[in-house]
PDB file of N, CA and C in Angstrom:
ATOM      1  N   MET A   1       0.841  -1.173   0.000  1.00  0.00           N
ATOM      2  CA  MET A   1       0.000   0.000   0.000  1.00  0.00           C
ATOM      3  C   MET A   1       0.889   1.240   0.000  1.00  0.00           C
ATOM      4  N   ASN A   2       0.695   2.111  -0.961  1.00  0.00           N
ATOM      5  CA  ASN A   2       1.442   3.362  -1.069  1.00  0.00           C
ATOM      6  C   ASN A   2       0.537   4.508  -0.652  1.00  0.00           C
ATOM      7  N   LEU A   3       0.820   5.076   0.511  1.00  0.00           N
ATOM      8  CA  LEU A   3      -0.003   6.152   1.042  1.00  0.00           C
ATOM      9  C   LEU A   3       0.261   7.446   0.293  1.00  0.00           C
ATOM     10  N   LYS A   4      -0.797   8.191   0.070  1.00  0.00           N
ATOM     11  CA  LYS A   4      -0.674   9.485  -0.580  1.00  0.00           C
ATOM     12  C   LYS A   4      -0.057  10.465   0.401  1.00  0.00           C
ATOM     13  N   PHE A   5       0.851  11.307  -0.088  1.00  0.00           N
ATOM     14  CA  PHE A   5       1.501  12.303   0.741  1.00  0.00           C
ATOM     15  C   PHE A   5       1.197  13.680   0.180  1.00  0.00           C
ATOM     16  N   PRO A   6       0.811  14.650   0.989  1.00  0.00           N
ATOM     17  CA  PRO A   6       0.550  14.516   2.408  1.00  0.00           C
ATOM     18  C   PRO A   6      -0.673  13.638   2.660  1.00  0.00           C
ATOM     19  N   TYR A   7      -0.738  13.125   3.879  1.00  0.00           N
ATOM     20  CA  TYR A   7      -1.784  12.172   4.244  1.00  0.00           C
ATOM     21  C   TYR A   7      -3.156  12.741   3.915  1.00  0.00           C
ATOM     22  N   GLN A   8      -3.970  11.917   3.236  1.00  0.00           N
ATOM     23  CA  GLN A   8      -5.298  12.350   2.810  1.00  0.00           C
ATOM     24  C   GLN A   8      -6.276  11.191   2.931  1.00  0.00           C
ATOM     25  N   PHE A   9      -7.564  11.533   2.836  1.00  0.00           N
ATOM     26  CA  PHE A   9      -8.609  10.526   2.784  1.00  0.00           C
ATOM     27  C   PHE A   9      -9.198  10.519   1.378  1.00  0.00           C
ATOM     28  N   ASN A  10      -9.637   9.331   0.925  1.00  0.00           N
ATOM     29  CA  ASN A  10     -10.291   9.263  -0.379  1.00  0.00           C
ATOM     30  C   ASN A  10     -11.776   9.569  -0.207  1.00  0.00           C
ATOM     31  N   ASN A  11     -12.535   9.471  -1.292  1.00  0.00           N
ATOM     32  CA  ASN A  11     -13.959   9.817  -1.236  1.00  0.00           C
ATOM     33  C   ASN A  11     -14.784   8.822  -0.421  1.00  0.00           C
ATOM     34  N   LEU A  12     -14.218   7.697  -0.034  1.00  0.00           N
ATOM     35  CA  LEU A  12     -14.907   6.721   0.814  1.00  0.00           C
ATOM     36  C   LEU A  12     -14.551   6.898   2.293  1.00  0.00           C
ATOM     37  N   GLY A  13     -13.700   7.876   2.586  1.00  0.00           N
ATOM     38  CA  GLY A  13     -13.290   8.116   3.958  1.00  0.00           C
ATOM     39  C   GLY A  13     -12.147   7.233   4.423  1.00  0.00           C
ATOM     40  N   ARG A  14     -11.540   6.531   3.498  1.00  0.00           N
ATOM     41  CA  ARG A  14     -10.400   5.670   3.825  1.00  0.00           C
ATOM     42  C   ARG A  14      -9.098   6.386   3.482  1.00  0.00           C
ATOM     43  N   THR A  15      -8.006   5.812   3.912  1.00  0.00           N
ATOM     44  CA  THR A  15      -6.702   6.375   3.601  1.00  0.00           C
ATOM     45  C   THR A  15      -6.478   6.361   2.093  1.00  0.00           C
ATOM     46  N   ALA A  16      -6.098   7.514   1.546  1.00  0.00           N
ATOM     47  CA  ALA A  16      -5.877   7.621   0.101  1.00  0.00           C
ATOM     48  C   ALA A  16      -4.582   6.920  -0.286  1.00  0.00           C
ATOM     49  N   GLU A  17      -4.643   6.209  -1.384  1.00  0.00           N
ATOM     50  CA  GLU A  17      -3.469   5.521  -1.930  1.00  0.00           C
ATOM     51  C   GLU A  17      -3.039   6.195  -3.218  1.00  0.00           C
ATOM     52  N   THR A  18      -1.827   5.912  -3.622  1.00  0.00           N
ATOM     53  CA  THR A  18      -1.293   6.469  -4.852  1.00  0.00           C
ATOM     54  C   THR A  18      -0.504   5.395  -5.596  1.00  0.00           C
ATOM     55  N   SER A  19      -0.129   5.688  -6.824  1.00  0.00           N
ATOM     56  CA  SER A  19       0.656   4.725  -7.601  1.00  0.00           C
ATOM     57  C   SER A  19       2.071   4.642  -7.037  1.00  0.00           C
ATOM     58  N   TYR A  20       2.770   3.575  -7.366  1.00  0.00           N
ATOM     59  CA  TYR A  20       4.140   3.388  -6.898  1.00  0.00           C
ATOM     60  C   TYR A  20       5.051   4.489  -7.421  1.00  0.00           C
ATOM     61  N   GLU A  21       4.853   4.895  -8.671  1.00  0.00           N
ATOM     62  CA  GLU A  21       5.675   5.940  -9.277  1.00  0.00           C
ATOM     63  C   GLU A  21       5.471   7.277  -8.564  1.00  0.00           C
ATOM     64  N   GLU A  22       4.225   7.604  -8.251  1.00  0.00           N
ATOM     65  CA  GLU A  22       3.929   8.845  -7.534  1.00  0.00           C
ATOM     66  C   GLU A  22       4.460   8.782  -6.106  1.00  0.00           C
ATOM     67  N   HIS A  23       4.410   7.610  -5.497  1.00  0.00           N
ATOM     68  CA  HIS A  23       4.943   7.417  -4.152  1.00  0.00           C
ATOM     69  C   HIS A  23       6.446   7.699  -4.132  1.00  0.00           C
ATOM     70  N   ILE A  24       7.163   7.211  -5.126  1.00  0.00           N
ATOM     71  CA  ILE A  24       8.604   7.456  -5.219  1.00  0.00           C
ATOM     72  C   ILE A  24       8.871   8.952  -5.398  1.00  0.00           C
ATOM     73  N   ARG A  25       8.093   9.617  -6.253  1.00  0.00           N
ATOM     74  CA  ARG A  25       8.268  11.054  -6.471  1.00  0.00           C
ATOM     75  C   ARG A  25       8.063  11.839  -5.172  1.00  0.00           C
ATOM     76  N   THR A  26       7.069  11.465  -4.386  1.00  0.00           N
ATOM     77  CA  THR A  26       6.845  12.173  -3.125  1.00  0.00           C
ATOM     78  C   THR A  26       7.942  11.867  -2.101  1.00  0.00           C
ATOM     79  N   LEU A  27       8.521  10.659  -2.166  1.00  0.00           N
ATOM     80  CA  LEU A  27       9.655  10.359  -1.292  1.00  0.00           C
ATOM     81  C   LEU A  27      10.843  11.263  -1.626  1.00  0.00           C
ATOM     82  N   ILE A  28      11.079  11.486  -2.914  1.00  0.00           N
ATOM     83  CA  ILE A  28      12.150  12.390  -3.343  1.00  0.00           C
ATOM     84  C   ILE A  28      11.883  13.790  -2.815  1.00  0.00           C
ATOM     85  N   GLU A  29      10.659  14.234  -2.946  1.00  0.00           N
ATOM     86  CA  GLU A  29      10.273  15.557  -2.460  1.00  0.00           C
ATOM     87  C   GLU A  29      10.492  15.668  -0.946  1.00  0.00           C
ATOM     88  N   GLN A  30      10.156  14.626  -0.209  1.00  0.00           N
ATOM     89  CA  GLN A  30      10.348  14.644   1.238  1.00  0.00           C
ATOM     90  C   GLN A  30      11.822  14.750   1.603  1.00  0.00           C
ATOM     91  N   VAL A  31      12.677  14.011   0.900  1.00  0.00           N
ATOM     92  CA  VAL A  31      14.110  14.079   1.180  1.00  0.00           C
ATOM     93  C   VAL A  31      14.643  15.478   0.883  1.00  0.00           C
ATOM     94  N   LEU A  32      14.248  16.052  -0.250  1.00  0.00           N
ATOM     95  CA  LEU A  32      14.784  17.348  -0.648  1.00  0.00           C
ATOM     96  C   LEU A  32      14.314  18.488   0.243  1.00  0.00           C
ATOM     97  N   PHE A  33      13.071  18.460   0.681  1.00  0.00           N
ATOM     98  CA  PHE A  33      12.509  19.596   1.410  1.00  0.00           C
ATOM     99  C   PHE A  33      12.416  19.390   2.920  1.00  0.00           C
ATOM    100  N   THR A  34      13.088  18.379   3.437  1.00  0.00           N
ATOM    101  CA  THR A  34      13.197  18.201   4.877  1.00  0.00           C
ATOM    102  C   THR A  34      14.603  18.626   5.291  1.00  0.00           C
ATOM    103  N   SER A  35      14.672  19.466   6.289  1.00  0.00           N
ATOM    104  CA  SER A  35      15.965  19.921   6.796  1.00  0.00           C
ATOM    105  C   SER A  35      16.478  18.946   7.845  1.00  0.00           C
ATOM    106  N   PRO A  36      17.780  18.652   7.838  1.00  0.00           N
ATOM    107  CA  PRO A  36      18.329  17.793   8.893  1.00  0.00           C
ATOM    108  C   PRO A  36      18.004  18.376  10.273  1.00  0.00           C
ATOM    109  N   GLY A  37      17.567  17.499  11.172  1.00  0.00           N
ATOM    110  CA  GLY A  37      17.162  17.928  12.502  1.00  0.00           C
ATOM    111  C   GLY A  37      15.671  18.170  12.630  1.00  0.00           C
ATOM    112  N   GLU A  38      14.963  18.171  11.525  1.00  0.00           N
ATOM    113  CA  GLU A  38      13.529  18.446  11.537  1.00  0.00           C
ATOM    114  C   GLU A  38      12.718  17.255  12.038  1.00  0.00           C
ATOM    115  N   ARG A  39      13.173  16.049  11.772  1.00  0.00           N
ATOM    116  CA  ARG A  39      12.473  14.846  12.228  1.00  0.00           C
ATOM    117  C   ARG A  39      13.061  14.375  13.545  1.00  0.00           C
ATOM    118  N   VAL A  40      12.185  14.119  14.499  1.00  0.00           N
ATOM    119  CA  VAL A  40      12.620  13.793  15.851  1.00  0.00           C
ATOM    120  C   VAL A  40      13.406  12.492  15.906  1.00  0.00           C
ATOM    121  N   ASN A  41      12.891  11.428  15.332  1.00  0.00           N
ATOM    122  CA  ASN A  41      13.539  10.124  15.425  1.00  0.00           C
ATOM    123  C   ASN A  41      14.578   9.870  14.339  1.00  0.00           C
ATOM    124  N   ARG A  42      14.694  10.774  13.402  1.00  0.00           N
ATOM    125  CA  ARG A  42      15.711  10.686  12.347  1.00  0.00           C
ATOM    126  C   ARG A  42      16.347  12.055  12.151  1.00  0.00           C
ATOM    127  N   PRO A  43      17.184  12.485  13.082  1.00  0.00           N
ATOM    128  CA  PRO A  43      17.713  13.854  13.001  1.00  0.00           C
ATOM    129  C   PRO A  43      18.626  14.106  11.806  1.00  0.00           C
ATOM    130  N   ASP A  44      19.167  13.061  11.187  1.00  0.00           N
ATOM    131  CA  ASP A  44      20.041  13.268  10.031  1.00  0.00           C
ATOM    132  C   ASP A  44      19.303  13.126   8.699  1.00  0.00           C
ATOM    133  N   PHE A  45      17.991  12.881   8.734  1.00  0.00           N
ATOM    134  CA  PHE A  45      17.198  12.745   7.505  1.00  0.00           C
ATOM    135  C   PHE A  45      17.041  14.103   6.835  1.00  0.00           C
ATOM    136  N   GLY A  46      17.106  14.133   5.516  1.00  0.00           N
ATOM    137  CA  GLY A  46      16.880  15.344   4.744  1.00  0.00           C
ATOM    138  C   GLY A  46      18.108  15.740   3.958  1.00  0.00           C
ATOM    139  N   SER A  47      17.995  16.889   3.292  1.00  0.00           N
ATOM    140  CA  SER A  47      19.096  17.324   2.440  1.00  0.00           C
ATOM    141  C   SER A  47      19.652  18.696   2.791  1.00  0.00           C
ATOM    142  N   GLY A  48      18.900  19.528   3.464  1.00  0.00           N
ATOM    143  CA  GLY A  48      19.364  20.881   3.738  1.00  0.00           C
ATOM    144  C   GLY A  48      19.206  21.819   2.565  1.00  0.00           C
ATOM    145  N   LEU A  49      18.449  21.415   1.567  1.00  0.00           N
ATOM    146  CA  LEU A  49      18.247  22.225   0.364  1.00  0.00           C
ATOM    147  C   LEU A  49      17.604  23.571   0.697  1.00  0.00           C
ATOM    148  N   LEU A  50      16.687  23.584   1.637  1.00  0.00           N
ATOM    149  CA  LEU A  50      15.990  24.829   1.955  1.00  0.00           C
ATOM    150  C   LEU A  50      16.919  25.899   2.518  1.00  0.00           C
ATOM    151  N   LYS A  51      17.993  25.509   3.169  1.00  0.00           N
ATOM    152  CA  LYS A  51      18.951  26.489   3.688  1.00  0.00           C
ATOM    153  C   LYS A  51      19.706  27.179   2.561  1.00  0.00           C
ATOM    154  N   LEU A  52      19.875  26.491   1.442  1.00  0.00           N
ATOM    155  CA  LEU A  52      20.630  27.064   0.323  1.00  0.00           C
ATOM    156  C   LEU A  52      19.830  28.086  -0.470  1.00  0.00           C
ATOM    157  N   VAL A  53      18.519  28.116  -0.260  1.00  0.00           N
ATOM    158  CA  VAL A  53      17.675  29.060  -0.986  1.00  0.00           C
ATOM    159  C   VAL A  53      18.079  30.493  -0.681  1.00  0.00           C
ATOM    160  N   PHE A  54      18.562  30.743   0.522  1.00  0.00           N
ATOM    161  CA  PHE A  54      18.901  32.104   0.929  1.00  0.00           C
ATOM    162  C   PHE A  54      20.355  32.481   0.637  1.00  0.00           C
ATOM    163  N   GLU A  55      21.107  31.577   0.061  1.00  0.00           N
ATOM    164  CA  GLU A  55      22.482  31.862  -0.331  1.00  0.00           C
ATOM    165  C   GLU A  55      22.494  32.577  -1.685  1.00  0.00           C
ATOM    166  N   PRO A  56      23.513  33.399  -1.929  1.00  0.00           N
ATOM    167  CA  PRO A  56      23.586  34.075  -3.229  1.00  0.00           C
ATOM    168  C   PRO A  56      23.806  33.058  -4.361  1.00  0.00           C
ATOM    169  N   ASN A  57      23.120  33.281  -5.465  1.00  0.00           N
ATOM    170  CA  ASN A  57      23.264  32.397  -6.623  1.00  0.00           C
ATOM    171  C   ASN A  57      24.646  32.547  -7.238  1.00  0.00           C
ATOM    172  N   SER A  58      25.275  31.405  -7.476  1.00  0.00           N
ATOM    173  CA  SER A  58      26.578  31.390  -8.129  1.00  0.00           C
ATOM    174  C   SER A  58      26.813  29.990  -8.667  1.00  0.00           C
ATOM    175  N   ASN A  59      27.835  29.829  -9.461  1.00  0.00           N
ATOM    176  CA  ASN A  59      28.179  28.511  -9.985  1.00  0.00           C
ATOM    177  C   ASN A  59      28.623  27.582  -8.864  1.00  0.00           C
ATOM    178  N   GLU A  60      29.306  28.131  -7.875  1.00  0.00           N
ATOM    179  CA  GLU A  60      29.753  27.322  -6.745  1.00  0.00           C
ATOM    180  C   GLU A  60      28.566  26.808  -5.932  1.00  0.00           C
ATOM    181  N   MET A  61      27.577  27.682  -5.735  1.00  0.00           N
ATOM    182  CA  MET A  61      26.387  27.281  -4.992  1.00  0.00           C
ATOM    183  C   MET A  61      25.618  26.203  -5.754  1.00  0.00           C
ATOM    184  N   ALA A  62      25.552  26.319  -7.064  1.00  0.00           N
ATOM    185  CA  ALA A  62      24.881  25.315  -7.882  1.00  0.00           C
ATOM    186  C   ALA A  62      25.596  23.970  -7.779  1.00  0.00           C
ATOM    187  N   ALA A  63      26.926  23.986  -7.797  1.00  0.00           N
ATOM    188  CA  ALA A  63      27.693  22.739  -7.671  1.00  0.00           C
ATOM    189  C   ALA A  63      27.509  22.123  -6.287  1.00  0.00           C
ATOM    190  N   THR A  64      27.497  22.953  -5.257  1.00  0.00           N
ATOM    191  CA  THR A  64      27.260  22.470  -3.893  1.00  0.00           C
ATOM    192  C   THR A  64      25.879  21.845  -3.777  1.00  0.00           C
ATOM    193  N   THR A  65      24.894  22.492  -4.355  1.00  0.00           N
ATOM    194  CA  THR A  65      23.521  21.988  -4.314  1.00  0.00           C
ATOM    195  C   THR A  65      23.414  20.654  -5.042  1.00  0.00           C
ATOM    196  N   GLN A  66      24.043  20.552  -6.188  1.00  0.00           N
ATOM    197  CA  GLN A  66      24.020  19.309  -6.955  1.00  0.00           C
ATOM    198  C   GLN A  66      24.620  18.166  -6.141  1.00  0.00           C
ATOM    199  N   PHE A  67      25.755  18.395  -5.520  1.00  0.00           N
ATOM    200  CA  PHE A  67      26.413  17.387  -4.698  1.00  0.00           C
ATOM    201  C   PHE A  67      25.540  17.007  -3.500  1.00  0.00           C
ATOM    202  N   LEU A  68      24.955  18.001  -2.846  1.00  0.00           N
ATOM    203  CA  LEU A  68      24.111  17.784  -1.681  1.00  0.00           C
ATOM    204  C   LEU A  68      22.869  16.969  -2.026  1.00  0.00           C
ATOM    205  N   VAL A  69      22.201  17.321  -3.107  1.00  0.00           N
ATOM    206  CA  VAL A  69      20.984  16.626  -3.525  1.00  0.00           C
ATOM    207  C   VAL A  69      21.292  15.185  -3.909  1.00  0.00           C
ATOM    208  N   GLN A  70      22.303  14.982  -4.722  1.00  0.00           N
ATOM    209  CA  GLN A  70      22.637  13.630  -5.160  1.00  0.00           C
ATOM    210  C   GLN A  70      23.037  12.749  -3.980  1.00  0.00           C
ATOM    211  N   GLY A  71      23.830  13.274  -3.081  1.00  0.00           N
ATOM    212  CA  GLY A  71      24.256  12.504  -1.914  1.00  0.00           C
ATOM    213  C   GLY A  71      23.093  12.134  -1.010  1.00  0.00           C
ATOM    214  N   SER A  72      22.189  13.077  -0.774  1.00  0.00           N
ATOM    215  CA  SER A  72      21.034  12.808   0.086  1.00  0.00           C
ATOM    216  C   SER A  72      20.104  11.771  -0.529  1.00  0.00           C
ATOM    217  N   LEU A  73      19.856  11.902  -1.821  1.00  0.00           N
ATOM    218  CA  LEU A  73      18.969  10.932  -2.484  1.00  0.00           C
ATOM    219  C   LEU A  73      19.584   9.539  -2.493  1.00  0.00           C
ATOM    220  N   GLN A  74      20.888   9.448  -2.721  1.00  0.00           N
ATOM    221  CA  GLN A  74      21.531   8.136  -2.701  1.00  0.00           C
ATOM    222  C   GLN A  74      21.510   7.534  -1.303  1.00  0.00           C
ATOM    223  N   GLN A  75      21.708   8.368  -0.293  1.00  0.00           N
ATOM    224  CA  GLN A  75      21.710   7.868   1.081  1.00  0.00           C
ATOM    225  C   GLN A  75      20.345   7.341   1.499  1.00  0.00           C
ATOM    226  N   TRP A  76      19.293   8.100   1.229  1.00  0.00           N
ATOM    227  CA  TRP A  76      17.983   7.754   1.761  1.00  0.00           C
ATOM    228  C   TRP A  76      17.120   6.933   0.815  1.00  0.00           C
ATOM    229  N   LEU A  77      17.335   7.044  -0.489  1.00  0.00           N
ATOM    230  CA  LEU A  77      16.485   6.329  -1.444  1.00  0.00           C
ATOM    231  C   LEU A  77      17.271   5.443  -2.398  1.00  0.00           C
ATOM    232  N   GLY A  78      18.539   5.232  -2.132  1.00  0.00           N
ATOM    233  CA  GLY A  78      19.381   4.435  -3.019  1.00  0.00           C
ATOM    234  C   GLY A  78      18.905   3.010  -3.208  1.00  0.00           C
ATOM    235  N   HIS A  79      18.170   2.475  -2.257  1.00  0.00           N
ATOM    236  CA  HIS A  79      17.645   1.113  -2.389  1.00  0.00           C
ATOM    237  C   HIS A  79      16.418   1.067  -3.299  1.00  0.00           C
ATOM    238  N   LEU A  80      15.794   2.228  -3.566  1.00  0.00           N
ATOM    239  CA  LEU A  80      14.594   2.281  -4.406  1.00  0.00           C
ATOM    240  C   LEU A  80      14.855   2.839  -5.796  1.00  0.00           C
ATOM    241  N   ILE A  81      15.774   3.791  -5.888  1.00  0.00           N
ATOM    242  CA  ILE A  81      16.022   4.454  -7.172  1.00  0.00           C
ATOM    243  C   ILE A  81      17.518   4.534  -7.456  1.00  0.00           C
ATOM    244  N   GLU A  82      17.822   4.659  -8.738  1.00  0.00           N
ATOM    245  CA  GLU A  82      19.182   4.932  -9.189  1.00  0.00           C
ATOM    246  C   GLU A  82      19.182   6.343  -9.752  1.00  0.00           C
ATOM    247  N   ILE A  83      20.042   7.193  -9.225  1.00  0.00           N
ATOM    248  CA  ILE A  83      20.118   8.579  -9.681  1.00  0.00           C
ATOM    249  C   ILE A  83      20.906   8.620 -10.981  1.00  0.00           C
ATOM    250  N   ASN A  84      20.259   9.062 -12.062  1.00  0.00           N
ATOM    251  CA  ASN A  84      20.934   9.187 -13.351  1.00  0.00           C
ATOM    252  C   ASN A  84      21.659  10.523 -13.475  1.00  0.00           C
ATOM    253  N   SER A  85      20.994  11.590 -13.051  1.00  0.00           N
ATOM    254  CA  SER A  85      21.630  12.908 -13.088  1.00  0.00           C
ATOM    255  C   SER A  85      20.870  13.872 -12.186  1.00  0.00           C
ATOM    256  N   VAL A  86      21.604  14.862 -11.735  1.00  0.00           N
ATOM    257  CA  VAL A  86      21.024  15.975 -10.982  1.00  0.00           C
ATOM    258  C   VAL A  86      21.546  17.245 -11.627  1.00  0.00           C
ATOM    259  N   GLN A  87      20.636  18.093 -12.080  1.00  0.00           N
ATOM    260  CA  GLN A  87      21.017  19.372 -12.672  1.00  0.00           C
ATOM    261  C   GLN A  87      20.466  20.484 -11.796  1.00  0.00           C
ATOM    262  N   VAL A  88      21.303  21.462 -11.527  1.00  0.00           N
ATOM    263  CA  VAL A  88      20.888  22.615 -10.736  1.00  0.00           C
ATOM    264  C   VAL A  88      21.086  23.854 -11.589  1.00  0.00           C
ATOM    265  N   ASN A  89      20.013  24.605 -11.754  1.00  0.00           N
ATOM    266  CA  ASN A  89      20.054  25.828 -12.542  1.00  0.00           C
ATOM    267  C   ASN A  89      19.727  27.005 -11.638  1.00  0.00           C
ATOM    268  N   THR A  90      20.515  28.058 -11.725  1.00  0.00           N
ATOM    269  CA  THR A  90      20.257  29.276 -10.975  1.00  0.00           C
ATOM    270  C   THR A  90      19.901  30.369 -11.961  1.00  0.00           C
ATOM    271  N   ILE A  91      18.664  30.812 -11.899  1.00  0.00           N
ATOM    272  CA  ILE A  91      18.173  31.841 -12.799  1.00  0.00           C
ATOM    273  C   ILE A  91      17.668  32.986 -11.930  1.00  0.00           C
ATOM    274  N   ASP A  92      18.410  34.079 -11.899  1.00  0.00           N
ATOM    275  CA  ASP A  92      18.118  35.223 -11.028  1.00  0.00           C
ATOM    276  C   ASP A  92      17.959  34.736  -9.593  1.00  0.00           C
ATOM    277  N   ALA A  93      16.768  34.866  -9.018  1.00  0.00           N
ATOM    278  CA  ALA A  93      16.546  34.470  -7.620  1.00  0.00           C
ATOM    279  C   ALA A  93      15.889  33.092  -7.521  1.00  0.00           C
ATOM    280  N   VAL A  94      15.855  32.351  -8.619  1.00  0.00           N
ATOM    281  CA  VAL A  94      15.180  31.056  -8.651  1.00  0.00           C
ATOM    282  C   VAL A  94      16.218  29.930  -8.676  1.00  0.00           C
ATOM    283  N   LEU A  95      15.989  28.948  -7.826  1.00  0.00           N
ATOM    284  CA  LEU A  95      16.833  27.754  -7.798  1.00  0.00           C
ATOM    285  C   LEU A  95      16.000  26.596  -8.342  1.00  0.00           C
ATOM    286  N   GLU A  96      16.467  25.992  -9.423  1.00  0.00           N
ATOM    287  CA  GLU A  96      15.748  24.899 -10.070  1.00  0.00           C
ATOM    288  C   GLU A  96      16.598  23.636  -9.978  1.00  0.00           C
ATOM    289  N   VAL A  97      15.993  22.570  -9.460  1.00  0.00           N
ATOM    290  CA  VAL A  97      16.679  21.285  -9.330  1.00  0.00           C
ATOM    291  C   VAL A  97      15.924  20.273 -10.177  1.00  0.00           C
ATOM    292  N   VAL A  98      16.632  19.629 -11.105  1.00  0.00           N
ATOM    293  CA  VAL A  98      16.037  18.617 -11.981  1.00  0.00           C
ATOM    294  C   VAL A  98      16.738  17.287 -11.690  1.00  0.00           C
ATOM    295  N   VAL A  99      15.943  16.302 -11.284  1.00  0.00           N
ATOM    296  CA  VAL A  99      16.481  14.990 -10.924  1.00  0.00           C
ATOM    297  C   VAL A  99      15.964  13.967 -11.928  1.00  0.00           C
ATOM    298  N   SER A 100      16.882  13.252 -12.572  1.00  0.00           N
ATOM    299  CA  SER A 100      16.533  12.130 -13.448  1.00  0.00           C
ATOM    300  C   SER A 100      16.907  10.854 -12.714  1.00  0.00           C
ATOM    301  N   TYR A 101      15.976   9.922 -12.662  1.00  0.00           N
ATOM    302  CA  TYR A 101      16.213   8.700 -11.895  1.00  0.00           C
ATOM    303  C   TYR A 101      15.521   7.513 -12.546  1.00  0.00           C
ATOM    304  N   THR A 102      15.949   6.330 -12.148  1.00  0.00           N
ATOM    305  CA  THR A 102      15.360   5.079 -12.594  1.00  0.00           C
ATOM    306  C   THR A 102      14.865   4.335 -11.367  1.00  0.00           C
ATOM    307  N   ILE A 103      13.618   3.899 -11.406  1.00  0.00           N
ATOM    308  CA  ILE A 103      13.077   3.087 -10.313  1.00  0.00           C
ATOM    309  C   ILE A 103      13.649   1.682 -10.479  1.00  0.00           C
ATOM    310  N   ARG A 104      14.329   1.200  -9.463  1.00  0.00           N
ATOM    311  CA  ARG A 104      15.041  -0.078  -9.558  1.00  0.00           C
ATOM    312  C   ARG A 104      14.104  -1.256  -9.837  1.00  0.00           C
ATOM    313  N   SER A 105      12.935  -1.295  -9.225  1.00  0.00           N
ATOM    314  CA  SER A 105      12.057  -2.457  -9.367  1.00  0.00           C
ATOM    315  C   SER A 105      11.384  -2.541 -10.726  1.00  0.00           C
ATOM    316  N   THR A 106      11.168  -1.393 -11.399  1.00  0.00           N
ATOM    317  CA  THR A 106      10.477  -1.403 -12.685  1.00  0.00           C
ATOM    318  C   THR A 106      11.377  -1.041 -13.857  1.00  0.00           C
ATOM    319  N   GLN A 107      12.571  -0.496 -13.562  1.00  0.00           N
ATOM    320  CA  GLN A 107      13.522  -0.032 -14.582  1.00  0.00           C
ATOM    321  C   GLN A 107      12.932   1.067 -15.472  1.00  0.00           C
ATOM    322  N   GLN A 108      11.977   1.823 -14.946  1.00  0.00           N
ATOM    323  CA  GLN A 108      11.397   2.950 -15.662  1.00  0.00           C
ATOM    324  C   GLN A 108      12.153   4.227 -15.301  1.00  0.00           C
ATOM    325  N   ASN A 109      12.400   5.069 -16.313  1.00  0.00           N
ATOM    326  CA  ASN A 109      13.114   6.327 -16.117  1.00  0.00           C
ATOM    327  C   ASN A 109      12.117   7.475 -15.927  1.00  0.00           C
ATOM    328  N   TYR A 110      12.449   8.383 -15.013  1.00  0.00           N
ATOM    329  CA  TYR A 110      11.600   9.535 -14.736  1.00  0.00           C
ATOM    330  C   TYR A 110      12.481  10.747 -14.524  1.00  0.00           C
ATOM    331  N   THR A 111      11.892  11.908 -14.747  1.00  0.00           N
ATOM    332  CA  THR A 111      12.542  13.188 -14.467  1.00  0.00           C
ATOM    333  C   THR A 111      11.561  14.036 -13.702  1.00  0.00           C
ATOM    334  N   VAL A 112      12.038  14.644 -12.633  1.00  0.00           N
ATOM    335  CA  VAL A 112      11.187  15.507 -11.806  1.00  0.00           C
ATOM    336  C   VAL A 112      11.918  16.818 -11.584  1.00  0.00           C
ATOM    337  N   GLN A 113      11.156  17.908 -11.565  1.00  0.00           N
ATOM    338  CA  GLN A 113      11.737  19.244 -11.432  1.00  0.00           C
ATOM    339  C   GLN A 113      11.153  19.933 -10.204  1.00  0.00           C
ATOM    340  N   PHE A 114      12.024  20.542  -9.403  1.00  0.00           N
ATOM    341  CA  PHE A 114      11.604  21.278  -8.218  1.00  0.00           C
ATOM    342  C   PHE A 114      12.166  22.680  -8.329  1.00  0.00           C
ATOM    343  N   THR A 115      11.359  23.669  -8.002  1.00  0.00           N
ATOM    344  CA  THR A 115      11.769  25.067  -8.072  1.00  0.00           C
ATOM    345  C   THR A 115      11.500  25.732  -6.733  1.00  0.00           C
ATOM    346  N   SER A 116      12.467  26.481  -6.278  1.00  0.00           N
ATOM    347  CA  SER A 116      12.246  27.225  -5.040  1.00  0.00           C
ATOM    348  C   SER A 116      12.751  28.642  -5.193  1.00  0.00           C
TER     349      SER A 116
END
């Protein structure tokens, strides 16, 4: 059973479910947008991406973000997905992270984009 995130109820009043592919995408989102120390029982969970939003945009910051995102995803979701590439684009005050990955169990390739 793949629970929908954030937790929701379906039209029958039961716990809402989602597809496996969507479940993986939301797991990626949780890793990227959770700050280390935010979860009580897993203080090292997350990527720290939100802290970088307030840093000045530069090529160095983009490289740091790419390394941080790839490392966090491999640490927390490496058993579920294979990271093909992580691209970080800095456009004015916008930070764009594009993650290409393969779901290990289905061998399907996906690309997801996050903007902050």
